[in-house]
Amino acid sequence: MYILHALPDSAGLVVHCLLREMGVPFRLHLIDRASTERDAPPYRALHPEGKVPVLETPDGPIFETGAILLWLGERHPGFCPAPGSPERAAFLKWFVYTNNAVHTTVMELFYPERHAGSPEALPDFLTTAAGRLSGQLALLEAMAARRPDWCAPGRPTILGYYLSMLLRWILSFEESHPANRSGDDYPALLALARSLETRPAALAAAEAEELGPTIFSAPSY
């Protein structure tokens, strides 16, 4: 059995959805954001920095969202191109781009005070990061519009769920935030998100984390 350690409505959501899609036995351990559990030695043995998500596996604990997803994809076929397949290279470049570039930018926009350097630099930092996000989303939208098998509406894939979770975060920015976006500006990504959020696995994950029914296309809090 796997054990998924996560905060509600965190990057663990994509892992949570995929574990349910894969139909594997797992236990969900949702950590209270106000608790000190992640600072305690038992949790630091799972993740030395006390971050989430962490997936306990027969091979030991795995952290970093991208690493967890790729590990699951290799052990449970059908959710991404298999190593050695013709589509693997195209999938990997967009998966790593999503993980390394887009996920990073969104986190910078959520926690700009950690990256701006000073309060005075905050407005310029937000403007620059929001502009970077616009360029990244344009590239992802063009990729999703081509509907490759490993990222197509209605197909539960690790990249499809990953992009849908990130879209949830992006659509949650307040109207006054520089990174505020409308899903209508990204029809291919929005179609992908809408097709996945109605799946039984996503609905079950949403219920467990108390996120509402339209978790990707119309986030509510």
N, C-alpha and C. Protein backbone atom coordinates (compact mmCIF):
# COMPACT_ATOMS: atom_id res chain seq x y z
N MET A 1 0.84 -1.20 0.00
CA MET A 1 0.00 0.00 0.00
C MET A 1 0.87 1.25 0.00
N TYR A 2 0.46 2.23 -0.82
CA TYR A 2 1.11 3.53 -0.80
C TYR A 2 0.51 4.38 0.32
N ILE A 3 1.30 5.32 0.82
CA ILE A 3 0.80 6.34 1.75
C ILE A 3 1.17 7.69 1.18
N LEU A 4 0.17 8.52 0.93
CA LEU A 4 0.39 9.86 0.39
C LEU A 4 0.25 10.87 1.51
N HIS A 5 1.31 11.61 1.76
CA HIS A 5 1.30 12.69 2.73
C HIS A 5 1.16 14.01 1.97
N ALA A 6 0.16 14.79 2.32
CA ALA A 6 -0.07 16.04 1.59
C ALA A 6 -0.84 17.02 2.46
N LEU A 7 -0.76 18.28 2.09
CA LEU A 7 -1.66 19.28 2.63
C LEU A 7 -2.89 19.33 1.74
N PRO A 8 -4.07 19.65 2.27
CA PRO A 8 -5.24 19.82 1.40
C PRO A 8 -4.97 20.92 0.37
N ASP A 9 -5.39 20.70 -0.85
CA ASP A 9 -5.26 21.68 -1.92
C ASP A 9 -3.80 22.12 -2.09
N SER A 10 -2.94 21.15 -2.22
CA SER A 10 -1.53 21.40 -2.49
C SER A 10 -1.13 20.57 -3.71
N ALA A 11 0.16 20.51 -4.00
CA ALA A 11 0.61 19.73 -5.15
C ALA A 11 0.30 18.25 -5.00
N GLY A 12 -0.01 17.83 -3.76
CA GLY A 12 -0.41 16.44 -3.58
C GLY A 12 -1.71 16.09 -4.29
N LEU A 13 -2.48 17.11 -4.69
CA LEU A 13 -3.76 16.84 -5.35
C LEU A 13 -3.59 16.04 -6.62
N VAL A 14 -2.57 16.35 -7.43
CA VAL A 14 -2.38 15.62 -8.69
C VAL A 14 -2.01 14.17 -8.40
N VAL A 15 -1.19 13.93 -7.38
CA VAL A 15 -0.84 12.57 -7.01
C VAL A 15 -2.07 11.84 -6.49
N HIS A 16 -2.86 12.52 -5.68
CA HIS A 16 -4.09 11.96 -5.12
C HIS A 16 -5.03 11.50 -6.24
N CYS A 17 -5.26 12.37 -7.20
CA CYS A 17 -6.15 12.02 -8.33
C CYS A 17 -5.63 10.80 -9.07
N LEU A 18 -4.34 10.77 -9.34
CA LEU A 18 -3.79 9.67 -10.13
C LEU A 18 -3.79 8.35 -9.37
N LEU A 19 -3.55 8.38 -8.09
CA LEU A 19 -3.63 7.14 -7.32
C LEU A 19 -5.04 6.55 -7.41
N ARG A 20 -6.04 7.41 -7.38
CA ARG A 20 -7.42 6.93 -7.51
C ARG A 20 -7.67 6.42 -8.93
N GLU A 21 -7.14 7.11 -9.93
CA GLU A 21 -7.30 6.65 -11.31
C GLU A 21 -6.65 5.29 -11.52
N MET A 22 -5.52 5.09 -10.90
CA MET A 22 -4.77 3.84 -11.09
C MET A 22 -5.39 2.67 -10.35
N GLY A 23 -6.28 2.96 -9.40
CA GLY A 23 -6.96 1.90 -8.69
C GLY A 23 -6.06 1.11 -7.76
N VAL A 24 -4.99 1.74 -7.28
CA VAL A 24 -4.06 1.05 -6.39
C VAL A 24 -4.44 1.35 -4.94
N PRO A 25 -4.17 0.42 -4.03
CA PRO A 25 -4.47 0.70 -2.62
C PRO A 25 -3.53 1.77 -2.06
N PHE A 26 -4.11 2.74 -1.40
CA PHE A 26 -3.29 3.79 -0.81
C PHE A 26 -4.04 4.38 0.38
N ARG A 27 -3.28 5.03 1.23
CA ARG A 27 -3.86 5.76 2.35
C ARG A 27 -3.49 7.22 2.21
N LEU A 28 -4.47 8.08 2.36
CA LEU A 28 -4.26 9.52 2.26
C LEU A 28 -4.07 10.10 3.66
N HIS A 29 -2.96 10.74 3.87
CA HIS A 29 -2.69 11.41 5.15
C HIS A 29 -2.64 12.91 4.89
N LEU A 30 -3.75 13.58 5.17
CA LEU A 30 -3.82 15.03 5.00
C LEU A 30 -3.30 15.69 6.28
N ILE A 31 -2.35 16.58 6.12
CA ILE A 31 -1.69 17.23 7.24
C ILE A 31 -2.32 18.59 7.48
N ASP A 32 -2.63 18.88 8.70
CA ASP A 32 -3.16 20.19 9.08
C ASP A 32 -2.08 21.24 8.85
N ARG A 33 -2.44 22.28 8.09
CA ARG A 33 -1.46 23.33 7.80
C ARG A 33 -0.93 24.01 9.06
N ALA A 34 -1.74 24.04 10.11
CA ALA A 34 -1.34 24.73 11.33
C ALA A 34 -0.50 23.85 12.26
N SER A 35 -0.37 22.57 11.93
CA SER A 35 0.35 21.66 12.83
C SER A 35 1.86 21.79 12.61
N THR A 36 2.60 21.25 13.56
CA THR A 36 4.07 21.22 13.46
C THR A 36 4.57 19.85 13.02
N GLU A 37 3.68 19.03 12.52
CA GLU A 37 4.03 17.66 12.16
C GLU A 37 5.20 17.59 11.20
N ARG A 38 5.22 18.51 10.22
CA ARG A 38 6.27 18.44 9.20
C ARG A 38 7.64 18.82 9.73
N ASP A 39 7.68 19.40 10.92
CA ASP A 39 8.97 19.73 11.54
C ASP A 39 9.49 18.63 12.44
N ALA A 40 8.67 17.63 12.72
CA ALA A 40 9.04 16.57 13.65
C ALA A 40 9.94 15.53 12.97
N PRO A 41 10.80 14.86 13.72
CA PRO A 41 11.73 13.88 13.14
C PRO A 41 11.08 12.79 12.28
N PRO A 42 9.91 12.22 12.66
CA PRO A 42 9.34 11.18 11.78
C PRO A 42 9.05 11.68 10.37
N TYR A 43 8.53 12.91 10.27
CA TYR A 43 8.24 13.41 8.92
C TYR A 43 9.52 13.81 8.20
N ARG A 44 10.47 14.40 8.95
CA ARG A 44 11.74 14.78 8.32
C ARG A 44 12.50 13.57 7.80
N ALA A 45 12.21 12.39 8.34
CA ALA A 45 12.80 11.18 7.80
C ALA A 45 12.24 10.83 6.43
N LEU A 46 11.03 11.32 6.16
CA LEU A 46 10.41 11.12 4.84
C LEU A 46 10.84 12.21 3.86
N HIS A 47 10.88 13.44 4.34
CA HIS A 47 11.31 14.58 3.52
C HIS A 47 12.19 15.47 4.39
N PRO A 48 13.46 15.58 4.07
CA PRO A 48 14.39 16.31 4.94
C PRO A 48 14.08 17.80 5.08
N GLU A 49 13.28 18.36 4.16
CA GLU A 49 12.90 19.77 4.26
C GLU A 49 11.48 19.95 4.79
N GLY A 50 10.81 18.86 5.09
CA GLY A 50 9.47 18.96 5.65
C GLY A 50 8.41 19.44 4.68
N LYS A 51 8.61 19.20 3.39
CA LYS A 51 7.66 19.67 2.39
C LYS A 51 6.69 18.55 1.99
N VAL A 52 5.71 18.91 1.18
CA VAL A 52 4.75 17.96 0.62
C VAL A 52 4.73 18.14 -0.90
N PRO A 53 4.30 17.10 -1.62
CA PRO A 53 3.85 15.78 -1.13
C PRO A 53 5.01 14.82 -0.93
N VAL A 54 4.71 13.78 -0.19
CA VAL A 54 5.61 12.62 -0.06
C VAL A 54 4.76 11.39 -0.30
N LEU A 55 5.29 10.46 -1.08
CA LEU A 55 4.61 9.18 -1.30
C LEU A 55 5.49 8.07 -0.75
N GLU A 56 4.97 7.36 0.26
CA GLU A 56 5.67 6.18 0.77
C GLU A 56 5.37 5.00 -0.15
N THR A 57 6.42 4.34 -0.61
CA THR A 57 6.30 3.25 -1.57
C THR A 57 7.14 2.05 -1.10
N PRO A 58 6.98 0.90 -1.74
CA PRO A 58 7.85 -0.24 -1.41
C PRO A 58 9.32 0.04 -1.65
N ASP A 59 9.61 1.05 -2.51
CA ASP A 59 11.00 1.43 -2.79
C ASP A 59 11.50 2.51 -1.86
N GLY A 60 10.69 2.89 -0.88
CA GLY A 60 11.06 3.97 0.02
C GLY A 60 10.26 5.22 -0.28
N PRO A 61 10.38 6.25 0.56
CA PRO A 61 9.62 7.48 0.34
C PRO A 61 10.16 8.27 -0.85
N ILE A 62 9.25 8.84 -1.61
CA ILE A 62 9.61 9.69 -2.75
C ILE A 62 9.02 11.07 -2.52
N PHE A 63 9.82 12.10 -2.73
CA PHE A 63 9.30 13.46 -2.71
C PHE A 63 9.63 14.15 -4.02
N GLU A 64 9.12 15.35 -4.20
CA GLU A 64 9.11 16.13 -5.44
C GLU A 64 7.99 15.60 -6.35
N THR A 65 7.07 16.49 -6.67
CA THR A 65 5.88 16.12 -7.44
C THR A 65 6.24 15.42 -8.74
N GLY A 66 7.18 15.99 -9.49
CA GLY A 66 7.56 15.40 -10.77
C GLY A 66 8.11 14.00 -10.62
N ALA A 67 8.94 13.79 -9.61
CA ALA A 67 9.54 12.47 -9.40
C ALA A 67 8.46 11.44 -9.04
N ILE A 68 7.53 11.84 -8.19
CA ILE A 68 6.45 10.92 -7.81
C ILE A 68 5.62 10.53 -9.02
N LEU A 69 5.26 11.51 -9.84
CA LEU A 69 4.42 11.23 -11.00
C LEU A 69 5.12 10.33 -12.01
N LEU A 70 6.39 10.60 -12.29
CA LEU A 70 7.12 9.76 -13.25
C LEU A 70 7.28 8.34 -12.70
N TRP A 71 7.56 8.23 -11.41
CA TRP A 71 7.69 6.90 -10.80
C TRP A 71 6.39 6.12 -10.93
N LEU A 72 5.27 6.77 -10.62
CA LEU A 72 3.97 6.10 -10.75
C LEU A 72 3.68 5.74 -12.19
N GLY A 73 4.00 6.65 -13.11
CA GLY A 73 3.72 6.40 -14.53
C GLY A 73 4.48 5.21 -15.08
N GLU A 74 5.68 4.98 -14.56
CA GLU A 74 6.48 3.85 -15.04
C GLU A 74 5.99 2.53 -14.44
N ARG A 75 5.42 2.58 -13.26
CA ARG A 75 4.99 1.35 -12.59
C ARG A 75 3.54 0.99 -12.85
N HIS A 76 2.77 1.92 -13.34
CA HIS A 76 1.36 1.68 -13.63
C HIS A 76 1.08 2.14 -15.06
N PRO A 77 1.26 1.26 -16.03
CA PRO A 77 1.18 1.64 -17.45
C PRO A 77 -0.16 2.25 -17.83
N GLY A 78 -0.11 3.08 -18.86
CA GLY A 78 -1.32 3.65 -19.44
C GLY A 78 -1.53 5.12 -19.12
N PHE A 79 -0.68 5.70 -18.27
CA PHE A 79 -0.88 7.09 -17.87
C PHE A 79 0.18 8.03 -18.44
N CYS A 80 1.12 7.47 -19.17
CA CYS A 80 2.11 8.26 -19.92
C CYS A 80 2.82 7.30 -20.87
N PRO A 81 3.47 7.80 -21.91
CA PRO A 81 4.20 6.91 -22.81
C PRO A 81 5.28 6.13 -22.06
N ALA A 82 5.41 4.87 -22.36
CA ALA A 82 6.39 4.03 -21.68
C ALA A 82 7.80 4.36 -22.14
N PRO A 83 8.80 4.17 -21.28
CA PRO A 83 10.18 4.35 -21.72
C PRO A 83 10.48 3.53 -22.96
N GLY A 84 11.10 4.17 -23.94
CA GLY A 84 11.42 3.49 -25.19
C GLY A 84 10.38 3.65 -26.27
N SER A 85 9.20 4.17 -25.93
CA SER A 85 8.15 4.35 -26.94
C SER A 85 8.43 5.61 -27.76
N PRO A 86 7.90 5.68 -29.00
CA PRO A 86 8.17 6.83 -29.85
C PRO A 86 7.70 8.16 -29.27
N GLU A 87 6.66 8.14 -28.44
CA GLU A 87 6.10 9.38 -27.90
C GLU A 87 6.78 9.83 -26.60
N ARG A 88 7.69 9.02 -26.09
CA ARG A 88 8.27 9.31 -24.79
C ARG A 88 9.03 10.64 -24.77
N ALA A 89 9.78 10.94 -25.81
CA ALA A 89 10.59 12.15 -25.84
C ALA A 89 9.71 13.40 -25.80
N ALA A 90 8.66 13.42 -26.63
CA ALA A 90 7.77 14.58 -26.66
C ALA A 90 7.07 14.75 -25.32
N PHE A 91 6.63 13.64 -24.75
CA PHE A 91 5.99 13.72 -23.45
C PHE A 91 6.94 14.27 -22.39
N LEU A 92 8.16 13.74 -22.34
CA LEU A 92 9.11 14.13 -21.31
C LEU A 92 9.45 15.61 -21.37
N LYS A 93 9.64 16.14 -22.57
CA LYS A 93 10.04 17.55 -22.64
C LYS A 93 8.94 18.46 -22.11
N TRP A 94 7.67 18.13 -22.39
CA TRP A 94 6.59 18.97 -21.90
C TRP A 94 6.30 18.71 -20.42
N PHE A 95 6.52 17.49 -19.98
CA PHE A 95 6.34 17.20 -18.56
C PHE A 95 7.37 17.95 -17.73
N VAL A 96 8.63 17.88 -18.14
CA VAL A 96 9.68 18.56 -17.39
C VAL A 96 9.50 20.07 -17.48
N TYR A 97 9.07 20.57 -18.63
CA TYR A 97 8.81 22.01 -18.76
C TYR A 97 7.70 22.44 -17.79
N THR A 98 6.65 21.64 -17.72
CA THR A 98 5.56 21.96 -16.79
C THR A 98 6.05 21.96 -15.35
N ASN A 99 6.83 20.96 -15.01
CA ASN A 99 7.33 20.83 -13.64
C ASN A 99 8.37 21.89 -13.30
N ASN A 100 9.32 22.11 -14.18
CA ASN A 100 10.46 22.97 -13.88
C ASN A 100 10.15 24.45 -14.09
N ALA A 101 9.42 24.77 -15.15
CA ALA A 101 9.17 26.17 -15.48
C ALA A 101 7.83 26.67 -14.95
N VAL A 102 6.75 26.02 -15.34
CA VAL A 102 5.42 26.54 -15.03
C VAL A 102 5.09 26.40 -13.55
N HIS A 103 5.29 25.23 -13.00
CA HIS A 103 5.03 25.02 -11.57
C HIS A 103 5.85 26.01 -10.74
N THR A 104 7.10 26.20 -11.11
CA THR A 104 7.97 27.13 -10.38
C THR A 104 7.44 28.55 -10.45
N THR A 105 7.04 28.99 -11.62
CA THR A 105 6.53 30.35 -11.77
C THR A 105 5.26 30.57 -10.96
N VAL A 106 4.36 29.60 -10.99
CA VAL A 106 3.11 29.75 -10.23
C VAL A 106 3.41 29.84 -8.74
N MET A 107 4.35 29.04 -8.25
CA MET A 107 4.70 29.12 -6.84
C MET A 107 5.33 30.45 -6.49
N GLU A 108 6.12 31.01 -7.38
CA GLU A 108 6.69 32.33 -7.15
C GLU A 108 5.60 33.39 -7.06
N LEU A 109 4.55 33.24 -7.84
CA LEU A 109 3.45 34.20 -7.81
C LEU A 109 2.60 34.05 -6.55
N PHE A 110 2.52 32.84 -6.02
CA PHE A 110 1.79 32.64 -4.78
C PHE A 110 2.57 33.13 -3.57
N TYR A 111 3.88 33.00 -3.64
CA TYR A 111 4.73 33.38 -2.50
C TYR A 111 5.83 34.34 -2.95
N PRO A 112 5.46 35.50 -3.50
CA PRO A 112 6.46 36.41 -4.05
C PRO A 112 7.43 36.96 -3.01
N GLU A 113 6.97 37.05 -1.76
CA GLU A 113 7.83 37.61 -0.72
C GLU A 113 9.05 36.73 -0.47
N ARG A 114 8.99 35.46 -0.87
CA ARG A 114 10.12 34.56 -0.70
C ARG A 114 11.18 34.78 -1.76
N HIS A 115 10.82 35.45 -2.86
CA HIS A 115 11.70 35.53 -4.02
C HIS A 115 12.07 36.95 -4.44
N ALA A 116 11.26 37.93 -4.06
CA ALA A 116 11.46 39.29 -4.56
C ALA A 116 12.72 39.94 -4.01
N GLY A 117 13.13 39.56 -2.83
CA GLY A 117 14.32 40.14 -2.24
C GLY A 117 14.05 41.22 -1.23
N SER A 118 13.04 42.04 -1.48
CA SER A 118 12.67 43.12 -0.56
C SER A 118 11.24 43.54 -0.85
N PRO A 119 10.56 44.15 0.12
CA PRO A 119 9.19 44.63 -0.13
C PRO A 119 9.11 45.62 -1.28
N GLU A 120 10.14 46.43 -1.43
CA GLU A 120 10.14 47.44 -2.50
C GLU A 120 10.20 46.80 -3.88
N ALA A 121 10.83 45.64 -3.96
CA ALA A 121 10.97 44.96 -5.25
C ALA A 121 9.76 44.12 -5.62
N LEU A 122 8.81 44.00 -4.69
CA LEU A 122 7.69 43.09 -4.89
C LEU A 122 6.85 43.41 -6.12
N PRO A 123 6.42 44.68 -6.36
CA PRO A 123 5.58 44.96 -7.53
C PRO A 123 6.25 44.58 -8.85
N ASP A 124 7.53 44.94 -9.01
CA ASP A 124 8.23 44.61 -10.25
C ASP A 124 8.40 43.11 -10.40
N PHE A 125 8.65 42.43 -9.28
CA PHE A 125 8.81 40.97 -9.34
C PHE A 125 7.51 40.32 -9.80
N LEU A 126 6.39 40.75 -9.26
CA LEU A 126 5.10 40.18 -9.64
C LEU A 126 4.80 40.43 -11.11
N THR A 127 5.08 41.62 -11.58
CA THR A 127 4.83 41.94 -12.98
C THR A 127 5.66 41.08 -13.90
N THR A 128 6.93 40.90 -13.56
CA THR A 128 7.83 40.09 -14.38
C THR A 128 7.40 38.63 -14.38
N ALA A 129 7.08 38.11 -13.19
CA ALA A 129 6.67 36.71 -13.11
C ALA A 129 5.36 36.46 -13.83
N ALA A 130 4.43 37.40 -13.73
CA ALA A 130 3.14 37.27 -14.42
C ALA A 130 3.35 37.27 -15.93
N GLY A 131 4.25 38.10 -16.40
CA GLY A 131 4.56 38.11 -17.83
C GLY A 131 5.18 36.81 -18.29
N ARG A 132 6.06 36.26 -17.45
CA ARG A 132 6.67 34.97 -17.77
C ARG A 132 5.61 33.88 -17.84
N LEU A 133 4.65 33.92 -16.90
CA LEU A 133 3.57 32.93 -16.90
C LEU A 133 2.76 33.01 -18.19
N SER A 134 2.50 34.21 -18.66
CA SER A 134 1.73 34.36 -19.90
C SER A 134 2.41 33.66 -21.07
N GLY A 135 3.71 33.82 -21.18
CA GLY A 135 4.44 33.15 -22.25
C GLY A 135 4.42 31.64 -22.09
N GLN A 136 4.55 31.17 -20.87
CA GLN A 136 4.53 29.73 -20.62
C GLN A 136 3.17 29.13 -20.93
N LEU A 137 2.10 29.83 -20.54
CA LEU A 137 0.76 29.33 -20.82
C LEU A 137 0.47 29.29 -22.31
N ALA A 138 1.00 30.27 -23.04
CA ALA A 138 0.80 30.28 -24.50
C ALA A 138 1.42 29.03 -25.13
N LEU A 139 2.60 28.64 -24.65
CA LEU A 139 3.24 27.44 -25.18
C LEU A 139 2.45 26.19 -24.82
N LEU A 140 1.98 26.11 -23.59
CA LEU A 140 1.20 24.95 -23.16
C LEU A 140 -0.13 24.86 -23.89
N GLU A 141 -0.76 26.02 -24.11
CA GLU A 141 -2.03 26.03 -24.84
C GLU A 141 -1.84 25.50 -26.25
N ALA A 142 -0.76 25.91 -26.92
CA ALA A 142 -0.50 25.44 -28.28
C ALA A 142 -0.23 23.94 -28.28
N MET A 143 0.49 23.45 -27.29
CA MET A 143 0.74 22.02 -27.19
C MET A 143 -0.56 21.26 -26.95
N ALA A 144 -1.38 21.72 -25.99
CA ALA A 144 -2.63 21.04 -25.66
C ALA A 144 -3.61 21.06 -26.83
N ALA A 145 -3.57 22.12 -27.63
CA ALA A 145 -4.47 22.22 -28.78
C ALA A 145 -4.20 21.14 -29.82
N ARG A 146 -2.99 20.61 -29.83
CA ARG A 146 -2.66 19.52 -30.77
C ARG A 146 -3.18 18.18 -30.27
N ARG A 147 -3.61 18.12 -29.02
CA ARG A 147 -4.22 16.95 -28.41
C ARG A 147 -3.40 15.66 -28.60
N PRO A 148 -2.15 15.67 -28.15
CA PRO A 148 -1.40 14.40 -28.18
C PRO A 148 -2.06 13.40 -27.24
N ASP A 149 -1.84 12.12 -27.51
CA ASP A 149 -2.50 11.09 -26.72
C ASP A 149 -2.19 11.21 -25.24
N TRP A 150 -0.98 11.68 -24.91
CA TRP A 150 -0.55 11.75 -23.51
C TRP A 150 -1.01 13.04 -22.83
N CYS A 151 -1.85 13.81 -23.53
CA CYS A 151 -2.39 15.04 -22.93
C CYS A 151 -3.65 15.46 -23.69
N ALA A 152 -4.63 14.58 -23.73
CA ALA A 152 -5.85 14.83 -24.49
C ALA A 152 -7.06 14.81 -23.57
N PRO A 153 -8.08 15.62 -23.86
CA PRO A 153 -9.30 15.61 -23.03
C PRO A 153 -9.88 14.21 -22.90
N GLY A 154 -10.32 13.90 -21.70
CA GLY A 154 -10.96 12.61 -21.45
C GLY A 154 -10.02 11.48 -21.12
N ARG A 155 -8.71 11.71 -21.32
CA ARG A 155 -7.74 10.66 -21.02
C ARG A 155 -7.02 11.00 -19.73
N PRO A 156 -7.09 10.14 -18.72
CA PRO A 156 -6.41 10.43 -17.46
C PRO A 156 -4.91 10.15 -17.55
N THR A 157 -4.13 11.17 -17.79
CA THR A 157 -2.68 11.02 -17.89
C THR A 157 -2.02 11.86 -16.81
N ILE A 158 -0.75 11.57 -16.53
CA ILE A 158 -0.09 12.33 -15.48
C ILE A 158 0.12 13.78 -15.88
N LEU A 159 0.37 14.04 -17.16
CA LEU A 159 0.54 15.43 -17.56
C LEU A 159 -0.80 16.15 -17.63
N GLY A 160 -1.83 15.48 -18.07
CA GLY A 160 -3.15 16.10 -18.12
C GLY A 160 -3.62 16.53 -16.75
N TYR A 161 -3.45 15.67 -15.77
CA TYR A 161 -3.84 16.02 -14.40
C TYR A 161 -2.93 17.11 -13.83
N TYR A 162 -1.66 17.04 -14.15
CA TYR A 162 -0.72 18.04 -13.65
C TYR A 162 -1.10 19.43 -14.17
N LEU A 163 -1.35 19.53 -15.47
CA LEU A 163 -1.74 20.81 -16.06
C LEU A 163 -3.07 21.30 -15.49
N SER A 164 -3.99 20.40 -15.27
CA SER A 164 -5.29 20.79 -14.73
C SER A 164 -5.16 21.34 -13.32
N MET A 165 -4.31 20.73 -12.51
CA MET A 165 -4.10 21.24 -11.16
C MET A 165 -3.47 22.63 -11.20
N LEU A 166 -2.50 22.83 -12.08
CA LEU A 166 -1.87 24.15 -12.19
C LEU A 166 -2.88 25.19 -12.69
N LEU A 167 -3.76 24.79 -13.60
CA LEU A 167 -4.79 25.72 -14.06
C LEU A 167 -5.69 26.12 -12.90
N ARG A 168 -6.01 25.18 -12.02
CA ARG A 168 -6.79 25.51 -10.82
C ARG A 168 -6.14 26.64 -10.04
N TRP A 169 -4.84 26.51 -9.82
CA TRP A 169 -4.13 27.53 -9.06
C TRP A 169 -4.14 28.87 -9.78
N ILE A 170 -3.91 28.83 -11.09
CA ILE A 170 -3.85 30.07 -11.87
C ILE A 170 -5.20 30.79 -11.86
N LEU A 171 -6.27 30.02 -11.98
CA LEU A 171 -7.61 30.63 -12.01
C LEU A 171 -8.05 31.12 -10.64
N SER A 172 -7.29 30.79 -9.61
CA SER A 172 -7.67 31.21 -8.26
C SER A 172 -7.11 32.57 -7.87
N PHE A 173 -6.23 33.14 -8.70
CA PHE A 173 -5.70 34.46 -8.37
C PHE A 173 -6.82 35.49 -8.39
N GLU A 174 -6.80 36.39 -7.42
CA GLU A 174 -7.82 37.43 -7.37
C GLU A 174 -7.74 38.35 -8.58
N GLU A 175 -8.85 39.01 -8.88
CA GLU A 175 -8.93 39.85 -10.08
C GLU A 175 -7.87 40.93 -10.10
N SER A 176 -7.48 41.42 -8.95
CA SER A 176 -6.49 42.50 -8.88
C SER A 176 -5.05 42.00 -9.00
N HIS A 177 -4.86 40.68 -8.97
CA HIS A 177 -3.51 40.11 -9.02
C HIS A 177 -2.97 40.18 -10.45
N PRO A 178 -1.68 40.51 -10.63
CA PRO A 178 -1.12 40.57 -11.99
C PRO A 178 -1.23 39.27 -12.76
N ALA A 179 -1.31 38.15 -12.06
CA ALA A 179 -1.38 36.85 -12.73
C ALA A 179 -2.81 36.36 -12.94
N ASN A 180 -3.80 37.18 -12.61
CA ASN A 180 -5.19 36.78 -12.82
C ASN A 180 -5.42 36.46 -14.29
N ARG A 181 -6.02 35.31 -14.56
CA ARG A 181 -6.29 34.88 -15.92
C ARG A 181 -7.70 34.30 -16.00
N SER A 182 -8.25 34.30 -17.21
CA SER A 182 -9.53 33.67 -17.47
C SER A 182 -9.30 32.35 -18.19
N GLY A 183 -10.03 31.32 -17.79
CA GLY A 183 -9.91 30.04 -18.48
C GLY A 183 -10.28 30.13 -19.94
N ASP A 184 -11.14 31.08 -20.29
CA ASP A 184 -11.55 31.24 -21.69
C ASP A 184 -10.39 31.65 -22.58
N ASP A 185 -9.33 32.18 -21.99
CA ASP A 185 -8.15 32.55 -22.77
C ASP A 185 -7.34 31.34 -23.19
N TYR A 186 -7.64 30.19 -22.58
CA TYR A 186 -6.88 28.97 -22.85
C TYR A 186 -7.85 27.82 -23.09
N PRO A 187 -8.56 27.84 -24.23
CA PRO A 187 -9.63 26.87 -24.45
C PRO A 187 -9.17 25.41 -24.44
N ALA A 188 -7.99 25.12 -24.94
CA ALA A 188 -7.52 23.74 -24.97
C ALA A 188 -7.22 23.24 -23.56
N LEU A 189 -6.56 24.07 -22.76
CA LEU A 189 -6.27 23.69 -21.38
C LEU A 189 -7.56 23.59 -20.56
N LEU A 190 -8.49 24.49 -20.83
CA LEU A 190 -9.76 24.46 -20.09
C LEU A 190 -10.56 23.21 -20.44
N ALA A 191 -10.56 22.82 -21.72
CA ALA A 191 -11.27 21.61 -22.13
C ALA A 191 -10.66 20.38 -21.46
N LEU A 192 -9.35 20.36 -21.35
CA LEU A 192 -8.66 19.27 -20.68
C LEU A 192 -9.08 19.21 -19.20
N ALA A 193 -9.07 20.36 -18.54
CA ALA A 193 -9.43 20.41 -17.12
C ALA A 193 -10.87 19.98 -16.89
N ARG A 194 -11.78 20.46 -17.73
CA ARG A 194 -13.19 20.12 -17.57
C ARG A 194 -13.43 18.63 -17.79
N SER A 195 -12.70 18.03 -18.69
CA SER A 195 -12.90 16.61 -18.97
C SER A 195 -12.41 15.73 -17.82
N LEU A 196 -11.39 16.20 -17.11
CA LEU A 196 -10.83 15.39 -16.02
C LEU A 196 -11.56 15.59 -14.70
N GLU A 197 -12.06 16.80 -14.45
CA GLU A 197 -12.68 17.06 -13.15
C GLU A 197 -14.01 16.34 -12.95
N THR A 198 -14.58 15.80 -14.03
CA THR A 198 -15.83 15.06 -13.91
C THR A 198 -15.61 13.56 -13.73
N ARG A 199 -14.36 13.13 -13.79
CA ARG A 199 -14.08 11.71 -13.64
C ARG A 199 -14.28 11.29 -12.18
N PRO A 200 -14.71 10.05 -11.94
CA PRO A 200 -14.93 9.59 -10.57
C PRO A 200 -13.71 9.78 -9.67
N ALA A 201 -12.51 9.57 -10.20
CA ALA A 201 -11.31 9.71 -9.38
C ALA A 201 -11.13 11.15 -8.92
N ALA A 202 -11.32 12.10 -9.82
CA ALA A 202 -11.17 13.51 -9.47
C ALA A 202 -12.26 13.95 -8.51
N LEU A 203 -13.47 13.48 -8.71
CA LEU A 203 -14.58 13.84 -7.81
C LEU A 203 -14.34 13.28 -6.41
N ALA A 204 -13.80 12.06 -6.34
CA ALA A 204 -13.52 11.47 -5.04
C ALA A 204 -12.39 12.23 -4.33
N ALA A 205 -11.38 12.62 -5.09
CA ALA A 205 -10.28 13.41 -4.50
C ALA A 205 -10.79 14.76 -4.03
N ALA A 206 -11.65 15.37 -4.83
CA ALA A 206 -12.21 16.67 -4.45
C ALA A 206 -13.02 16.57 -3.17
N GLU A 207 -13.79 15.50 -3.04
CA GLU A 207 -14.60 15.31 -1.82
C GLU A 207 -13.69 15.10 -0.61
N ALA A 208 -12.65 14.29 -0.78
CA ALA A 208 -11.76 13.99 0.34
C ALA A 208 -11.02 15.24 0.81
N GLU A 209 -10.68 16.13 -0.13
CA GLU A 209 -9.95 17.34 0.23
C GLU A 209 -10.86 18.56 0.37
N GLU A 210 -12.19 18.33 0.23
CA GLU A 210 -13.19 19.38 0.41
C GLU A 210 -12.93 20.58 -0.51
N LEU A 211 -12.84 20.29 -1.81
CA LEU A 211 -12.48 21.32 -2.79
C LEU A 211 -13.63 21.73 -3.70
N GLY A 212 -14.78 21.11 -3.62
CA GLY A 212 -15.87 21.46 -4.51
C GLY A 212 -15.83 20.63 -5.78
N PRO A 213 -16.91 20.64 -6.56
CA PRO A 213 -17.03 19.73 -7.71
C PRO A 213 -16.22 20.13 -8.94
N THR A 214 -16.07 21.41 -9.20
CA THR A 214 -15.34 21.86 -10.41
C THR A 214 -13.94 22.28 -9.99
N ILE A 215 -13.16 21.30 -9.57
CA ILE A 215 -11.89 21.63 -8.92
C ILE A 215 -10.87 22.27 -9.84
N PHE A 216 -10.92 21.98 -11.15
CA PHE A 216 -9.91 22.50 -12.05
C PHE A 216 -10.37 23.72 -12.84
N SER A 217 -11.58 23.69 -13.34
CA SER A 217 -12.04 24.75 -14.25
C SER A 217 -12.64 25.95 -13.54
N ALA A 218 -13.17 25.76 -12.35
CA ALA A 218 -13.82 26.86 -11.62
C ALA A 218 -13.59 26.65 -10.13
N PRO A 219 -12.36 26.86 -9.67
CA PRO A 219 -12.04 26.60 -8.26
C PRO A 219 -12.85 27.46 -7.32
N SER A 220 -13.29 26.86 -6.22
CA SER A 220 -14.00 27.58 -5.20
C SER A 220 -13.34 27.31 -3.87
N TYR A 221 -13.46 28.25 -2.93
CA TYR A 221 -12.77 28.13 -1.64
C TYR A 221 -13.74 28.45 -0.52
